[in-house]
Amino acid sequence: MMDEAELRDDEQRVLEAASTIEAEGETGTLQQIAGRAGLAVSDARAALSSLTEVKDLVQEVGTTQPDLGVRYSVRDQPSPS
């Protein structure tokens, strides 16, 4: 399991934003996550790319409305034994 201390500031902010949106019963779009994280869309996109492709903490869950783009969800992490 990835230690959150290993995340860059922008990745941490994006992960927290995605988690908050998910706790409200939704999955977040890039624009929603960027807004919640207080980041430019380009910076949030880079952080999401790292969190999905490298660190495997966030996953793409498809689109509900094509004009809004991909939605993102935080992956369930195994609990420490």
C-alpha atoms as a PDB file:
ATOM      1  CA  MET A   1       0.000   0.000   0.000  1.00  0.00           C
ATOM      2  CA  MET A   2       1.261   3.478  -0.897  1.00  0.00           C
ATOM      3  CA  ASP A   3       2.102   5.719   2.024  1.00  0.00           C
ATOM      4  CA  GLU A   4       0.346   9.059   1.573  1.00  0.00           C
ATOM      5  CA  ALA A   5       3.555  10.754   2.752  1.00  0.00           C
ATOM      6  CA  GLU A   6       5.067   9.671  -0.586  1.00  0.00           C
ATOM      7  CA  LEU A   7       2.615  11.849  -2.521  1.00  0.00           C
ATOM      8  CA  ARG A   8       3.513  15.265  -3.894  1.00  0.00           C
ATOM      9  CA  ASP A   9       1.400  18.176  -2.631  1.00  0.00           C
ATOM     10  CA  ASP A  10      -0.662  18.348  -5.842  1.00  0.00           C
ATOM     11  CA  GLU A  11      -1.290  14.588  -5.769  1.00  0.00           C
ATOM     12  CA  GLN A  12      -2.372  14.757  -2.126  1.00  0.00           C
ATOM     13  CA  ARG A  13      -4.762  17.628  -2.862  1.00  0.00           C
ATOM     14  CA  VAL A  14      -6.251  15.797  -5.861  1.00  0.00           C
ATOM     15  CA  LEU A  15      -6.643  12.560  -3.884  1.00  0.00           C
ATOM     16  CA  GLU A  16      -8.392  14.422  -1.053  1.00  0.00           C
ATOM     17  CA  ALA A  17     -10.664  16.244  -3.529  1.00  0.00           C
ATOM     18  CA  ALA A  18     -11.623  12.998  -5.279  1.00  0.00           C
ATOM     19  CA  SER A  19     -12.280  11.350  -1.895  1.00  0.00           C
ATOM     20  CA  THR A  20     -14.477  14.245  -0.766  1.00  0.00           C
ATOM     21  CA  ILE A  21     -16.525  14.193  -3.969  1.00  0.00           C
ATOM     22  CA  GLU A  22     -16.920  10.437  -3.645  1.00  0.00           C
ATOM     23  CA  ALA A  23     -18.031  10.775  -0.002  1.00  0.00           C
ATOM     24  CA  GLU A  24     -20.812  13.036  -1.301  1.00  0.00           C
ATOM     25  CA  GLY A  25     -22.050  10.154  -3.468  1.00  0.00           C
ATOM     26  CA  GLU A  26     -20.528  11.060  -6.825  1.00  0.00           C
ATOM     27  CA  THR A  27     -17.469  10.383  -8.896  1.00  0.00           C
ATOM     28  CA  GLY A  28     -15.554  13.482  -9.924  1.00  0.00           C
ATOM     29  CA  THR A  29     -14.743  14.936 -13.298  1.00  0.00           C
ATOM     30  CA  LEU A  30     -11.368  16.519 -13.950  1.00  0.00           C
ATOM     31  CA  GLN A  31     -12.922  19.974 -13.627  1.00  0.00           C
ATOM     32  CA  GLN A  32     -14.666  19.149 -10.325  1.00  0.00           C
ATOM     33  CA  ILE A  33     -11.520  17.644  -8.838  1.00  0.00           C
ATOM     34  CA  ALA A  34      -9.361  20.563  -9.987  1.00  0.00           C
ATOM     35  CA  GLY A  35     -11.815  23.039  -8.455  1.00  0.00           C
ATOM     36  CA  ARG A  36     -11.981  21.201  -5.134  1.00  0.00           C
ATOM     37  CA  ALA A  37      -8.193  20.837  -5.042  1.00  0.00           C
ATOM     38  CA  GLY A  38      -7.645  24.512  -5.862  1.00  0.00           C
ATOM     39  CA  LEU A  39      -5.489  23.613  -8.855  1.00  0.00           C
ATOM     40  CA  ALA A  40      -5.428  24.564 -12.508  1.00  0.00           C
ATOM     41  CA  VAL A  41      -7.010  21.879 -14.690  1.00  0.00           C
ATOM     42  CA  SER A  42      -3.627  21.132 -16.293  1.00  0.00           C
ATOM     43  CA  ASP A  43      -2.018  20.562 -12.869  1.00  0.00           C
ATOM     44  CA  ALA A  44      -4.907  18.374 -11.707  1.00  0.00           C
ATOM     45  CA  ARG A  45      -4.681  16.379 -14.957  1.00  0.00           C
ATOM     46  CA  ALA A  46      -0.969  15.709 -14.345  1.00  0.00           C
ATOM     47  CA  ALA A  47      -1.627  14.646 -10.743  1.00  0.00           C
ATOM     48  CA  LEU A  48      -4.523  12.384 -11.801  1.00  0.00           C
ATOM     49  CA  SER A  49      -2.317  10.816 -14.452  1.00  0.00           C
ATOM     50  CA  SER A  50       0.267   9.940 -11.814  1.00  0.00           C
ATOM     51  CA  LEU A  51      -2.375   8.727  -9.348  1.00  0.00           C
ATOM     52  CA  THR A  52      -4.026   6.473 -11.960  1.00  0.00           C
ATOM     53  CA  GLU A  53      -1.119   5.207 -14.050  1.00  0.00           C
ATOM     54  CA  VAL A  54       1.834   5.151 -11.649  1.00  0.00           C
ATOM     55  CA  LYS A  55       0.563   5.028  -8.076  1.00  0.00           C
ATOM     56  CA  ASP A  56      -2.701   3.153  -8.775  1.00  0.00           C
ATOM     57  CA  LEU A  57      -4.663   5.082  -6.131  1.00  0.00           C
ATOM     58  CA  VAL A  58      -7.354   6.475  -8.447  1.00  0.00           C
ATOM     59  CA  GLN A  59      -9.201   4.821 -11.309  1.00  0.00           C
ATOM     60  CA  GLU A  60     -11.098   6.071 -14.330  1.00  0.00           C
ATOM     61  CA  VAL A  61     -14.705   4.941 -14.093  1.00  0.00           C
ATOM     62  CA  GLY A  62     -16.005   6.036 -17.470  1.00  0.00           C
ATOM     63  CA  THR A  63     -18.269   8.825 -18.571  1.00  0.00           C
ATOM     64  CA  THR A  64     -21.850   9.575 -17.666  1.00  0.00           C
ATOM     65  CA  GLN A  65     -22.146  12.625 -19.883  1.00  0.00           C
ATOM     66  CA  PRO A  66     -19.670  12.705 -22.773  1.00  0.00           C
ATOM     67  CA  ASP A  67     -19.289  16.496 -22.652  1.00  0.00           C
ATOM     68  CA  LEU A  68     -17.996  16.263 -19.044  1.00  0.00           C
ATOM     69  CA  GLY A  69     -15.334  13.671 -19.843  1.00  0.00           C
ATOM     70  CA  VAL A  70     -13.964  10.848 -17.748  1.00  0.00           C
ATOM     71  CA  ARG A  71     -14.972  10.475 -14.113  1.00  0.00           C
ATOM     72  CA  TYR A  72     -12.550   9.374 -11.403  1.00  0.00           C
ATOM     73  CA  SER A  73     -12.908   7.256  -8.275  1.00  0.00           C
ATOM     74  CA  VAL A  74     -10.478   6.531  -5.445  1.00  0.00           C
ATOM     75  CA  ARG A  75      -9.464   2.875  -5.418  1.00  0.00           C
ATOM     76  CA  ASP A  76     -10.233   0.835  -2.320  1.00  0.00           C
ATOM     77  CA  GLN A  77      -6.990   0.203  -0.486  1.00  0.00           C
ATOM     78  CA  PRO A  78      -6.365  -2.986   1.455  1.00  0.00           C
ATOM     79  CA  SER A  79      -6.309  -2.444   5.185  1.00  0.00           C
ATOM     80  CA  PRO A  80      -2.958  -2.956   6.864  1.00  0.00           C
ATOM     81  CA  SER A  81      -2.595  -6.332   8.549  1.00  0.00           C
END
